[in-house]
Each structure stands twice: as C-alpha cells, then as structure tokens.
C-alpha cells in the first residue's frame, strides 16, 4: 500500500531536509506551511521568527525543488484561541508561559493532524530533533535526540500514543551540521538560514507591550517588597518580570536580589536572595503520560522545569488523572508557574505538564 505523509514545512532548513528525506524514503508527500501569527511580517529587522510570508515562500521553493506539491493552511484562528490567549492568561495570572509547547500540542500535533486526516495522509512529518520507537509491549516511546544541543524532546512531552503512531521525525538521529550539508548539496536556498528563536507573535521580545496592544489593558506599576513587607523599589508592571529574574530590576541593595514571587492581588513583587528561589515540591497539571496512562503509584525519575536544564532526581506521585506532585531530592531553583515540568527515564520521555505554584 502507498505510504503518504503530510510534511510541516516552516521554511527553515530542518523541515526542508525532513521533507527531502521523506520523499526519498518513498512516501507520497504534501508539503504545507501553517499560517499562524496574525501579522507575521511585522517583525523588526533581525528578528529570528518563523511563520512569516517569506518563510512560507522559502518552504514553497524547497517543495518545488524536490518535486512535491505544497499548500499554505490558514490556522490563525486556532492559533489565537489555543496559543495567544493562553499566553496572555498565563501572564495575567502571574505565570511565565511556554507558547512553543502549546503550538506543538494544539496546532502541529492536533489541528494539523486533523488536516492530514481530511486530506487522506497517514503520517505527519516535522523537522524536530527527537526519536520515536516502540517498547517491547508495543507502546510508542518518545526519546531524546542523540545530539544534546539540538534535542527537542522537552517541547514534545504533549505527544500521545495516537500522535506518536502517526508521526515521523526524519532528523531524529542526525547532527545539525549534517542536515545543513544535505541542504547545501541539494541547493536549498535556506541551507544557511539561522534557526528561529523569537516568538512569532512577539517578534521584538517586548511581551508587556504586546499584552497591552492585544488586550487594551494596563499593567500598572507597583511595589518591590522583601519577604517581611519592606518596600525596596517600584516595578514597571507585574507582567514585565519572571521568577528568578535578577537583571533589570533597578533596585540598589547590599546584595543581589531576585524575583521570588508575584502577587497579582496586591500588585507586588517579592524580591529575595538566591537561596530564596529554591523549593522542593510543586504540582503540575494538564499532565500527559506518554504511555497513555498514569503509573499506579509514586515513581522515581529525572525531571526538568526548563528547556536544556540539567536533569534532577525526583519522586513523582500521580494525584489525579492529569495532575502530579513532583518532589525533588534537593531544593530546585526558580521553579516557575506556566513552564513545563518534563520527566525522563534515561533517554525516554515519560511525560510532562504545566507547573502550578
């Protein structure tokens, strides 16, 4: 039976080479670009985003060069609902959101997968650096890429058994230098294109200004305080800051101070010393167990609370269908509400969820 694949092509070198390798593997392919951000070409010069009209044209050029059809899907409404509004709600509730993980969860591996169904394509292909294999019991496993500098398994902790069964990561075991070499050998115009790093709907990095423009609301200045309530300065608006932040506070003190806590009710930000940033235990909800079900009781594993963070030993206890309690062996620095807690057993991703403090 003919193998078919819908290929998510961002316009970058990774998804372009993923498309080439899929075509060479004998799949009937359709390349596609998702239009997500409402005004993708408002980025300032030098911004490193994806999803612009130029990116779509780069993807189209590669598709033409390797001989596969290409379409652009307008998912701006879905993106606004599931990524932008969640981003805003997280900031307004004192957290620090992770929109790239939400984009994977709601757009790439949900909305785009449904489009693959509508068009009759069995597999979805992306340029992520991660590995999918099967355990002896037949379940699909998500594993780290061998290249630790490029491993993106953290952002894929949302993947379900159904998604893993229908997803291909052609670059999973490759090194970035080899991917660029393939692109250059095939004359891809994006062979040396820089990787996107900036959030596509906030290309200038000014999250507070974006929130004001989008919501029409103000985020007023307030007091920086210490744990005992002493006022030590004024902040510019609570959405400007994240837990663990030290730079840009504008507070002169006898020792370095860090953002330890944000209180929306009083519009205050508590500052403290480095040691005040450490906690041992917290909950994570919206938790996805990649195996498809939660373990029967507490498990030992390694955990991270930020991308590319060093893994730390922890005991994880399911406390509901989609909630876990994570207790680190040693206090953990700057655990931040809204970020993802991701669990590992060696190279295997066990699952991940959203941190709540």
Protein backbone atom coordinates (compact mmCIF):
# COMPACT_ATOMS: atom_id res chain seq x y z
CA UNK A 1 0.00 0.00 0.00
CA UNK A 2 1.23 3.51 -0.82
CA UNK A 3 2.79 5.40 2.09
CA UNK A 4 1.60 9.01 2.45
CA UNK A 5 2.91 11.92 4.53
CA UNK A 6 1.90 15.50 5.22
CA UNK A 7 5.07 17.48 5.92
CA UNK A 8 5.05 20.58 8.12
CA UNK A 9 7.48 22.96 6.40
CA UNK A 10 8.30 26.13 8.34
CA UNK A 11 10.71 27.48 5.75
CA UNK A 12 13.72 26.52 7.84
CA UNK A 13 16.46 24.08 6.96
CA UNK A 14 15.33 21.33 9.34
CA UNK A 15 11.83 20.83 7.97
CA UNK A 16 13.17 21.20 4.42
CA UNK A 17 15.61 18.33 4.85
CA UNK A 18 12.91 16.31 6.63
CA UNK A 19 10.76 16.74 3.52
CA UNK A 20 13.59 15.62 1.25
CA UNK A 21 14.34 12.51 3.31
CA UNK A 22 10.66 11.56 3.44
CA UNK A 23 10.34 11.89 -0.33
CA UNK A 24 13.50 9.81 -0.83
CA UNK A 25 12.06 7.14 1.50
CA UNK A 26 9.27 6.56 -0.98
CA UNK A 27 6.36 8.44 0.57
CA UNK A 28 3.81 10.37 -1.47
CA UNK A 29 4.24 13.77 0.14
CA UNK A 30 2.39 17.04 0.51
CA UNK A 31 4.40 19.92 1.92
CA UNK A 32 2.49 22.51 3.94
CA UNK A 33 3.11 25.72 5.80
CA UNK A 34 0.89 26.81 8.67
CA UNK A 35 -0.01 30.48 8.78
CA UNK A 36 -0.34 31.11 12.49
CA UNK A 37 0.56 34.60 13.70
CA UNK A 38 -1.97 37.31 12.80
CA UNK A 39 0.64 39.76 11.46
CA UNK A 40 3.68 37.60 10.68
CA UNK A 41 5.54 40.25 8.71
CA UNK A 42 5.53 42.90 11.46
CA UNK A 43 8.80 41.53 12.83
CA UNK A 44 11.65 44.03 13.26
CA UNK A 45 14.78 43.64 11.16
CA UNK A 46 16.97 40.88 12.57
CA UNK A 47 14.18 39.08 14.46
CA UNK A 48 14.53 35.29 14.33
CA UNK A 49 10.96 34.08 13.96
CA UNK A 50 9.10 31.50 11.92
CA UNK A 51 5.73 31.74 10.15
CA UNK A 52 6.38 34.90 8.09
CA UNK A 53 5.28 35.16 4.46
CA UNK A 54 8.96 34.93 3.46
CA UNK A 55 9.24 31.69 5.42
CA UNK A 56 6.25 30.29 3.54
CA UNK A 57 7.88 31.20 0.23
CA UNK A 58 11.15 29.55 1.33
CA UNK A 59 9.18 26.38 2.09
CA UNK A 60 7.41 26.59 -1.27
CA UNK A 61 10.76 26.95 -3.05
CA UNK A 62 12.13 23.80 -1.39
CA UNK A 63 8.95 21.85 -2.15
CA UNK A 64 9.21 22.84 -5.80
CA UNK A 65 12.88 21.88 -5.89
CA UNK A 66 12.30 18.37 -4.53
CA UNK A 67 9.15 17.88 -6.58
CA UNK A 68 6.30 17.70 -4.08
CA UNK A 69 3.04 19.70 -4.02
CA UNK A 70 2.72 22.46 -1.45
CA UNK A 71 -0.11 24.27 0.34
CA UNK A 72 -0.47 27.01 2.94
CA UNK A 73 -3.04 26.40 5.68
CA UNK A 74 -4.51 29.40 7.47
CA UNK A 75 -4.75 28.40 11.13
CA UNK A 76 -4.65 31.93 12.57
CA UNK A 77 -7.98 31.49 14.36
CA UNK A 78 -6.91 28.23 16.01
CA UNK A 79 -3.57 29.77 16.94
CA UNK A 80 -5.18 32.79 18.52
CA UNK A 81 -7.54 30.65 20.57
CA UNK A 82 -5.14 27.95 21.76
CA UNK A 83 -1.77 29.73 21.91
CA UNK A 84 -2.08 33.53 22.08
CA UNK A 85 -4.97 33.63 24.54
CA UNK A 86 -3.34 31.00 26.75
CA UNK A 87 -0.12 33.04 26.62
CA UNK A 88 -1.99 36.14 27.82
CA UNK A 89 -3.94 34.31 30.52
CA UNK A 90 -0.75 32.79 31.91
CA UNK A 91 0.99 36.17 32.18
CA UNK A 92 -2.09 37.81 33.67
CA UNK A 93 -2.24 35.08 36.32
CA UNK A 94 1.38 35.56 37.36
CA UNK A 95 3.00 32.79 35.32
CA UNK A 96 5.53 32.63 32.50
CA UNK A 97 4.00 30.80 29.51
CA UNK A 98 5.55 28.34 27.08
CA UNK A 99 3.84 29.10 23.74
CA UNK A 100 6.10 26.82 21.66
CA UNK A 101 4.93 23.79 23.60
CA UNK A 102 1.30 24.91 23.22
CA UNK A 103 1.84 25.32 19.49
CA UNK A 104 3.03 21.71 19.27
CA UNK A 105 0.18 20.46 21.43
CA UNK A 106 -2.71 22.28 19.79
CA UNK A 107 -1.53 23.11 16.27
CA UNK A 108 1.15 20.77 14.89
CA UNK A 109 0.03 17.53 16.52
CA UNK A 110 -3.70 18.21 16.72
CA UNK A 111 -5.04 20.69 14.18
CA UNK A 112 -2.51 19.72 11.52
CA UNK A 113 -3.02 16.02 12.23
CA UNK A 114 -6.74 16.51 11.66
CA UNK A 115 -5.97 18.25 8.37
CA UNK A 116 -3.87 15.22 7.39
CA UNK A 117 -6.96 13.08 8.03
CA UNK A 118 -9.13 15.36 5.92
CA UNK A 119 -6.68 15.13 3.02
CA UNK A 120 -6.05 11.39 3.34
CA UNK A 121 -2.41 11.42 4.55
CA UNK A 122 -1.39 8.74 7.04
CA UNK A 123 1.71 10.32 8.60
CA UNK A 124 2.70 13.77 9.80
CA UNK A 125 6.37 14.72 9.34
CA UNK A 126 8.21 17.50 11.16
CA UNK A 127 11.83 18.60 11.46
CA UNK A 128 12.06 18.06 15.22
CA UNK A 129 15.15 16.50 16.76
CA UNK A 130 13.70 13.59 18.74
CA UNK A 131 13.31 9.83 18.29
CA UNK A 132 10.21 7.61 18.23
CA UNK A 133 10.48 3.86 18.81
CA UNK A 134 8.38 1.05 20.25
CA UNK A 135 8.71 -0.64 23.62
CA UNK A 136 8.54 -4.47 23.95
CA UNK A 137 4.87 -4.12 24.97
CA UNK A 138 4.12 -2.40 21.66
CA UNK A 139 3.65 1.11 23.01
CA UNK A 140 5.34 4.00 21.29
CA UNK A 141 8.11 5.82 23.13
CA UNK A 142 9.46 9.33 22.72
CA UNK A 143 13.22 9.58 23.22
CA UNK A 144 15.86 12.29 23.26
CA UNK A 145 17.84 13.05 20.12
CA UNK A 146 21.47 11.90 20.30
CA UNK A 147 22.65 15.49 19.74
CA UNK A 148 22.08 17.09 23.18
CA UNK A 149 22.48 20.60 21.77
CA UNK A 150 19.52 20.08 19.43
CA UNK A 151 17.31 17.67 21.40
CA UNK A 152 13.72 18.97 21.38
CA UNK A 153 12.01 16.22 23.36
CA UNK A 154 11.14 18.75 26.11
CA UNK A 155 8.76 20.54 23.72
CA UNK A 156 7.17 17.26 22.61
CA UNK A 157 6.09 15.98 26.02
CA UNK A 158 2.47 16.59 24.96
CA UNK A 159 2.50 13.79 22.37
CA UNK A 160 0.02 10.95 22.83
CA UNK A 161 0.20 7.35 21.69
CA UNK A 162 -2.08 8.20 18.75
CA UNK A 163 0.15 11.11 17.70
CA UNK A 164 3.37 9.10 18.05
CA UNK A 165 1.90 6.28 15.94
CA UNK A 166 1.41 8.70 13.06
CA UNK A 167 4.45 10.99 13.39
CA UNK A 168 7.84 10.76 11.68
CA UNK A 169 10.98 12.62 12.79
CA UNK A 170 13.47 12.00 9.94
CA UNK A 171 16.14 14.15 11.61
CA UNK A 172 15.88 12.43 14.99
CA UNK A 173 19.30 10.78 14.99
CA UNK A 174 21.13 13.37 12.89
CA UNK A 175 23.58 16.15 13.71
CA UNK A 176 22.72 19.71 12.69
CA UNK A 177 25.90 20.09 10.62
CA UNK A 178 24.90 17.06 8.55
CA UNK A 179 21.43 18.48 7.98
CA UNK A 180 22.88 21.73 6.66
CA UNK A 181 25.30 19.79 4.45
CA UNK A 182 22.40 17.89 2.86
CA UNK A 183 20.51 21.13 2.28
CA UNK A 184 23.54 22.74 0.67
CA UNK A 185 24.23 19.71 -1.53
CA UNK A 186 20.67 19.92 -2.88
CA UNK A 187 20.81 23.66 -3.48
CA UNK A 188 18.22 24.67 -0.87
CA UNK A 189 18.09 28.45 -0.54
CA UNK A 190 17.73 28.10 3.26
CA UNK A 191 20.78 25.86 3.78
CA UNK A 192 22.48 28.53 5.90
CA UNK A 193 19.34 30.15 7.30
CA UNK A 194 19.51 30.85 11.02
CA UNK A 195 17.23 28.88 13.33
CA UNK A 196 14.12 30.71 14.53
CA UNK A 197 14.23 31.62 18.21
CA UNK A 198 11.85 34.51 18.79
CA UNK A 199 8.14 34.02 19.48
CA UNK A 200 6.39 34.57 16.16
CA UNK A 201 3.64 36.82 17.55
CA UNK A 202 6.03 38.85 19.76
CA UNK A 203 9.00 39.21 17.38
CA UNK A 204 10.53 42.19 19.20
CA UNK A 205 10.53 40.30 22.51
CA UNK A 206 8.53 43.01 24.32
CA UNK A 207 5.85 40.81 25.90
CA UNK A 208 4.37 43.57 28.06
CA UNK A 209 3.85 45.87 25.06
CA UNK A 210 2.20 43.00 23.17
CA UNK A 211 -0.14 42.33 26.10
CA UNK A 212 -1.17 45.99 26.23
CA UNK A 213 -1.77 46.15 22.47
CA UNK A 214 -3.74 42.92 22.37
CA UNK A 215 -5.88 43.33 25.50
CA UNK A 216 -6.16 47.10 25.72
CA UNK A 217 -5.47 46.74 29.43
CA UNK A 218 -2.84 48.48 31.51
CA UNK A 219 -0.49 46.64 33.83
CA UNK A 220 0.31 49.30 36.43
CA UNK A 221 3.48 49.86 38.37
CA UNK A 222 3.66 48.60 41.93
CA UNK A 223 5.99 47.89 44.82
CA UNK A 224 9.01 45.64 45.04
CA UNK A 225 8.94 44.23 48.56
CA UNK A 226 11.02 41.89 50.71
CA UNK A 227 9.53 38.87 52.49
CA UNK A 228 8.88 41.00 55.60
CA UNK A 229 6.87 43.53 53.57
CA UNK A 230 9.55 46.21 53.41
CA UNK A 231 9.22 48.26 50.22
CA UNK A 232 12.55 48.46 48.35
CA UNK A 233 11.54 49.94 45.00
CA UNK A 234 8.93 50.18 42.24
CA UNK A 235 8.29 47.72 39.43
CA UNK A 236 7.07 48.69 35.93
CA UNK A 237 4.13 46.31 35.85
CA UNK A 238 3.93 42.72 37.03
CA UNK A 239 3.95 41.19 33.52
CA UNK A 240 7.49 42.52 32.92
CA UNK A 241 9.06 40.02 35.34
CA UNK A 242 9.56 36.30 35.85
CA UNK A 243 10.63 34.22 38.83
CA UNK A 244 14.42 34.03 39.09
CA UNK A 245 15.00 37.32 37.25
CA UNK A 246 17.86 39.46 38.52
CA UNK A 247 18.67 41.89 35.70
CA UNK A 248 16.61 44.99 35.04
CA UNK A 249 15.08 45.33 38.49
CA UNK A 250 16.54 48.78 39.15
CA UNK A 251 16.83 48.11 42.89
CA UNK A 252 20.03 49.06 44.69
CA UNK A 253 20.66 46.73 47.63
CA UNK A 254 23.51 45.42 49.74
CA UNK A 255 23.36 42.01 47.98
CA UNK A 256 21.92 40.69 44.71
CA UNK A 257 18.13 40.39 44.70
CA UNK A 258 15.95 38.13 42.54
CA UNK A 259 12.25 37.90 41.74
CA UNK A 260 10.90 35.26 44.15
CA UNK A 261 7.13 35.74 43.99
CA UNK A 262 4.49 37.75 42.13
CA UNK A 263 1.23 38.68 43.89
CA UNK A 264 -1.41 39.91 41.47
CA UNK A 265 -3.96 40.77 44.18
CA UNK A 266 -1.64 43.32 45.79
CA UNK A 267 0.32 44.07 42.59
CA UNK A 268 3.57 43.45 44.46
CA UNK A 269 6.68 41.53 43.53
CA UNK A 270 8.65 39.90 46.34
CA UNK A 271 12.42 40.00 45.97
CA UNK A 272 14.84 37.80 47.82
CA UNK A 273 18.27 36.26 47.89
CA UNK A 274 19.49 33.42 45.68
CA UNK A 275 18.65 30.82 48.32
CA UNK A 276 15.04 32.05 48.47
CA UNK A 277 14.48 30.80 44.91
CA UNK A 278 14.74 27.13 45.86
CA UNK A 279 11.76 24.85 46.52
CA UNK A 280 11.49 21.06 46.70
CA UNK A 281 7.87 20.27 45.84
CA UNK A 282 5.18 21.53 43.47
CA UNK A 283 2.29 20.30 41.32
CA UNK A 284 1.98 20.04 37.53
CA UNK A 285 -1.40 19.76 35.83
CA UNK A 286 -2.62 19.14 32.28
CA UNK A 287 -0.14 16.28 32.64
CA UNK A 288 0.32 13.95 29.67
CA UNK A 289 1.69 10.47 30.32
CA UNK A 290 3.17 9.39 27.01
CA UNK A 291 2.50 5.72 27.76
CA UNK A 292 -1.21 6.58 27.76
CA UNK A 293 -1.87 6.06 31.45
CA UNK A 294 -0.52 7.20 34.78
CA UNK A 295 1.53 4.81 36.93
CA UNK A 296 -0.30 3.15 39.82
CA UNK A 297 1.79 4.94 42.43
CA UNK A 298 4.88 7.10 43.01
CA UNK A 299 7.80 6.64 40.64
CA UNK A 300 11.46 7.65 40.67
CA UNK A 301 12.73 9.52 37.64
CA UNK A 302 14.63 12.58 36.48
CA UNK A 303 12.86 15.90 35.98
CA UNK A 304 13.45 19.32 34.44
CA UNK A 305 11.48 22.54 34.75
CA UNK A 306 13.14 24.44 31.89
CA UNK A 307 14.40 23.61 28.41
CA UNK A 308 18.05 22.43 28.36
CA UNK A 309 18.14 22.33 32.16
CA UNK A 310 20.20 19.71 33.95
CA UNK A 311 18.01 16.77 34.95
CA UNK A 312 17.41 16.33 38.67
CA UNK A 313 16.30 13.21 40.62
CA UNK A 314 12.71 13.37 41.85
CA UNK A 315 9.80 11.34 43.17
CA UNK A 316 6.62 11.87 41.17
CA UNK A 317 3.20 10.97 42.55
CA UNK A 318 0.02 10.98 40.43
CA UNK A 319 -2.72 12.83 42.38
CA UNK A 320 -5.38 12.82 39.69
CA UNK A 321 -5.91 11.77 36.11
CA UNK A 322 -3.88 14.70 34.77
CA UNK A 323 -2.08 16.09 37.85
CA UNK A 324 1.15 15.04 39.53
CA UNK A 325 3.16 16.15 42.54
CA UNK A 326 6.88 16.43 41.90
CA UNK A 327 9.25 16.29 44.87
CA UNK A 328 12.92 16.85 44.12
CA UNK A 329 15.56 15.13 46.23
CA UNK A 330 17.23 18.51 46.73
CA UNK A 331 15.73 22.01 46.54
CA UNK A 332 15.31 23.17 42.93
CA UNK A 333 15.96 26.71 41.68
CA UNK A 334 13.39 29.10 40.18
CA UNK A 335 10.51 26.72 39.52
CA UNK A 336 8.12 28.93 37.55
CA UNK A 337 4.37 28.63 37.12
CA UNK A 338 3.39 28.25 33.46
CA UNK A 339 6.54 26.48 32.37
CA UNK A 340 6.61 22.74 31.63
CA UNK A 341 7.85 20.08 34.02
CA UNK A 342 9.08 17.13 31.93
CA UNK A 343 10.01 13.70 33.27
CA UNK A 344 12.69 11.35 31.91
CA UNK A 345 13.75 7.77 32.46
CA UNK A 346 17.17 7.74 30.85
CA UNK A 347 16.62 8.85 27.25
CA UNK A 348 12.88 8.15 27.37
CA UNK A 349 10.36 10.94 27.97
CA UNK A 350 7.73 9.79 30.48
CA UNK A 351 5.51 12.84 30.11
CA UNK A 352 5.07 16.47 31.01
CA UNK A 353 2.65 19.04 32.38
CA UNK A 354 2.24 22.69 33.35
CA UNK A 355 3.80 23.86 36.61
CA UNK A 356 1.48 25.33 39.22
CA UNK A 357 2.90 27.06 42.28
